[in-house]
Protein backbone atom coordinates (compact mmCIF):
# COMPACT_ATOMS: atom_id res chain seq x y z
CA MET A 1 -2.49 -90.20 19.43
CA LEU A 2 -3.88 -86.99 20.72
CA PHE A 3 -7.53 -87.53 20.02
CA ASP A 4 -9.10 -90.98 20.33
CA SER A 5 -12.56 -90.16 19.10
CA PRO A 6 -14.32 -87.60 16.95
CA LEU A 7 -16.26 -86.51 20.01
CA GLN A 8 -13.06 -85.35 21.69
CA LEU A 9 -12.19 -83.33 18.58
CA LEU A 10 -15.65 -81.78 18.57
CA VAL A 11 -15.39 -80.79 22.26
CA LEU A 12 -11.95 -79.32 21.69
CA CYS A 13 -13.24 -77.20 18.78
CA ALA A 14 -16.24 -76.06 20.81
CA LEU A 15 -13.95 -74.98 23.67
CA ALA A 16 -11.70 -73.08 21.26
CA ILE A 17 -14.65 -71.24 19.72
CA GLY A 18 -16.08 -70.50 23.18
CA GLY A 19 -12.76 -69.09 24.37
CA TRP A 20 -12.48 -66.97 21.27
CA LEU A 21 -16.01 -65.55 21.81
CA LEU A 22 -15.29 -64.95 25.51
CA GLY A 23 -12.10 -63.05 24.61
CA PHE A 24 -13.89 -60.99 21.99
CA ALA A 25 -16.69 -60.08 24.43
CA THR A 26 -14.28 -58.98 27.16
CA ASN A 27 -11.95 -56.96 24.87
CA PRO A 28 -11.84 -53.35 26.21
CA THR A 29 -11.56 -51.74 22.77
CA THR A 30 -14.84 -53.19 21.57
CA VAL A 31 -16.63 -52.37 24.82
CA HIS A 32 -15.66 -48.68 24.67
CA HIS A 33 -15.85 -48.43 20.90
CA ASP A 34 -19.28 -46.76 20.99
CA LYS A 35 -18.13 -44.22 23.59
CA VAL A 36 -15.01 -43.38 21.58
CA MET A 37 -16.99 -42.96 18.37
CA ARG A 38 -19.52 -40.67 20.08
CA ARG A 39 -16.68 -38.56 21.54
CA LEU A 40 -14.94 -38.33 18.15
CA ASN A 41 -18.21 -37.34 16.48
CA ARG A 42 -18.74 -34.56 19.05
CA GLU A 43 -15.16 -33.29 18.62
CA PHE A 44 -15.46 -33.31 14.84
CA ALA A 45 -18.81 -31.48 14.98
CA ALA A 46 -17.27 -28.83 17.27
CA PHE A 47 -14.27 -28.47 14.94
CA ARG A 48 -16.54 -28.20 11.90
CA THR A 49 -18.63 -25.50 13.63
CA GLN A 50 -15.52 -23.59 14.68
CA ALA A 51 -14.05 -23.80 11.16
CA GLN A 52 -17.32 -22.61 9.60
CA ASN A 53 -17.49 -19.66 12.02
CA ARG A 54 -13.89 -18.72 11.19
CA LEU A 55 -14.63 -18.98 7.47
CA ASN A 56 -17.69 -16.73 7.85
CA THR A 57 -15.64 -14.17 9.80
CA LEU A 58 -12.89 -14.15 7.18
CA THR A 59 -15.45 -13.83 4.38
CA ARG A 60 -16.99 -10.78 6.07
CA HIS A 61 -13.52 -9.30 6.61
CA ALA A 62 -12.62 -9.86 2.95
CA ALA A 63 -15.85 -8.16 1.85
CA ALA A 64 -15.06 -5.18 4.09
CA LEU A 65 -11.55 -4.97 2.64
CA GLU A 66 -12.94 -5.11 -0.90
CA ALA A 67 -15.34 -2.26 -0.10
CA SER A 68 -12.51 -0.26 1.44
CA HIS A 69 -10.33 -0.91 -1.61
CA GLN A 70 -13.13 0.23 -3.91
CA THR A 71 -13.58 3.44 -1.90
CA ILE A 72 -9.86 4.16 -1.94
CA ALA A 73 -9.69 3.50 -5.69
CA GLU A 74 -12.55 5.94 -6.27
CA ARG A 75 -10.87 8.57 -4.10
CA LEU A 76 -7.60 8.04 -5.97
CA GLY A 77 -9.39 8.57 -9.29
CA GLU A 78 -10.96 11.77 -7.99
CA ALA A 79 -7.60 13.01 -6.69
CA GLU A 80 -5.88 12.25 -9.99
CA ALA A 81 -8.64 14.11 -11.85
CA ARG A 82 -8.23 17.10 -9.53
CA ILE A 83 -4.45 17.06 -10.02
CA ALA A 84 -4.86 16.90 -13.80
CA ALA A 85 -7.34 19.81 -13.69
CA PHE A 86 -4.98 21.80 -11.48
CA LYS A 87 -2.05 21.18 -13.83
CA ALA A 88 -4.20 22.26 -16.77
CA GLU A 89 -5.17 25.48 -14.98
CA ALA A 90 -1.61 26.36 -13.94
CA ALA A 91 -0.37 29.46 -15.69
CA PRO A 92 2.70 29.12 -17.91
CA PRO A 93 5.93 30.72 -16.68
CA PRO A 94 6.80 34.23 -17.84
CA ASP A 95 7.47 34.44 -21.56
CA PRO A 96 11.23 34.62 -22.21
CA GLU A 97 10.65 36.87 -25.21
CA GLU A 98 9.32 39.86 -23.26
CA PRO A 99 10.58 43.15 -24.67
CA GLY A 100 11.83 44.25 -21.25
CA ASP A 101 14.26 41.30 -21.12
CA ARG A 102 16.21 42.45 -24.16
CA ALA A 103 16.40 46.05 -23.00
CA ARG A 104 18.13 45.24 -19.70
CA PRO A 105 21.73 46.31 -19.64
CA GLY A 106 24.51 44.29 -18.06
CA PRO A 107 25.06 40.62 -17.33
CA PRO A 108 22.36 38.43 -15.75
CA ASP A 109 22.17 38.13 -11.97
CA VAL A 110 23.72 35.18 -10.14
CA LEU A 111 20.54 33.36 -9.16
CA THR A 112 22.44 30.72 -7.19
CA ARG A 113 22.73 33.28 -4.38
CA ILE A 114 19.07 32.48 -3.61
CA ASP A 115 18.64 29.60 -1.17
CA GLY A 116 17.27 26.58 -3.01
CA ILE A 117 18.66 27.43 -6.45
CA ASP A 118 21.63 25.32 -7.42
CA GLY A 119 23.50 25.17 -10.72
CA SER A 120 21.07 22.82 -12.46
CA ILE A 121 18.00 24.83 -11.42
CA ASP A 122 19.81 28.03 -12.49
CA GLN A 123 20.41 26.55 -15.96
CA ARG A 124 16.77 25.49 -16.28
CA LEU A 125 15.61 28.95 -15.15
CA SER A 126 17.90 30.55 -17.75
CA ALA A 127 16.42 28.29 -20.42
CA LEU A 128 12.97 29.58 -19.41
CA GLY A 129 14.18 33.20 -19.64
CA ILE A 130 14.43 33.87 -15.91
CA THR A 131 17.88 35.41 -15.45
CA ARG A 132 17.35 38.29 -13.03
CA PHE A 133 16.25 38.71 -9.43
CA GLU A 134 13.50 40.97 -10.74
CA ASP A 135 12.04 38.08 -12.79
CA ILE A 136 11.72 35.95 -9.67
CA GLU A 137 10.43 38.85 -7.59
CA LYS A 138 7.59 39.49 -10.08
CA LEU A 139 6.32 35.89 -10.05
CA SER A 140 2.68 35.52 -8.97
CA ASP A 141 1.43 32.57 -6.92
CA GLN A 142 0.12 30.92 -10.10
CA ASP A 143 3.46 31.52 -11.82
CA GLU A 144 5.26 29.91 -8.86
CA MET A 145 3.11 26.78 -9.10
CA ALA A 146 3.58 26.56 -12.86
CA LEU A 147 7.34 27.06 -12.48
CA GLU A 148 7.50 24.30 -9.86
CA LEU A 149 5.75 21.97 -12.30
CA ARG A 150 8.09 22.89 -15.19
CA LEU A 151 11.20 22.52 -13.02
CA ALA A 152 9.86 19.29 -11.44
CA LEU A 153 10.18 20.75 -7.94
CA PRO A 154 8.03 19.62 -5.01
CA ALA A 155 4.84 21.59 -4.44
CA GLY A 156 5.48 24.64 -2.27
CA TYR A 157 9.25 24.56 -2.81
CA ILE A 158 9.53 28.15 -4.11
CA THR A 159 7.27 29.54 -1.39
CA GLY A 160 8.96 27.48 1.31
CA ARG A 161 12.42 28.73 0.31
CA GLN A 162 11.04 32.30 -0.07
CA TRP A 163 12.57 32.92 -3.48
CA ARG A 164 10.59 36.11 -4.11
CA GLN A 165 11.59 37.69 -0.80
CA GLN A 166 15.24 36.72 -1.25
CA ALA A 167 15.24 38.04 -4.83
CA ALA A 168 13.78 41.37 -3.66
CA ALA A 169 16.40 41.67 -0.92
CA LEU A 170 19.26 40.77 -3.27
CA ARG A 171 18.00 43.18 -5.95
CA ALA A 172 17.70 45.98 -3.38
CA ALA A 173 21.21 45.21 -2.10
CA GLY A 174 22.55 45.23 -5.67
CA GLU A 175 20.97 48.62 -6.48
CA ALA A 176 22.32 50.24 -3.33
């Protein structure tokens, strides 16, 4: 038999427990466990500080963007109010029922000879009672702006294409 007495069994158990304790005491992971935990705690604290700083920066940036958005929204409201007021002030186009229109002899002028007037704009001008070069030549600045609004033309289109000057030149050429 392996063990002759209980004393031998007791010594064998004591040696096994002693070896186990010696191995546990000399294990490198348990010896450096405190150092590793301290290092991990420092790294986590640094990460937490860095994340909090980044969050604070982004919060300030978001607040600045909100303020900028509010300012832009206010400016947009003011601009829309100014545009609405300008549209309300714009003078209506010349009245198509003027007595001078009926008294004119001959056919209407070909307005498409003016740069910037195509067939569709010519039809819309005719519907508004503008059929002669003289009608375009007599437009005031306010009338031009109102006509641009009624014809859905970009702002400054009539002035940029110089409709009044072209109409005067074409009327003068037609009378000669």
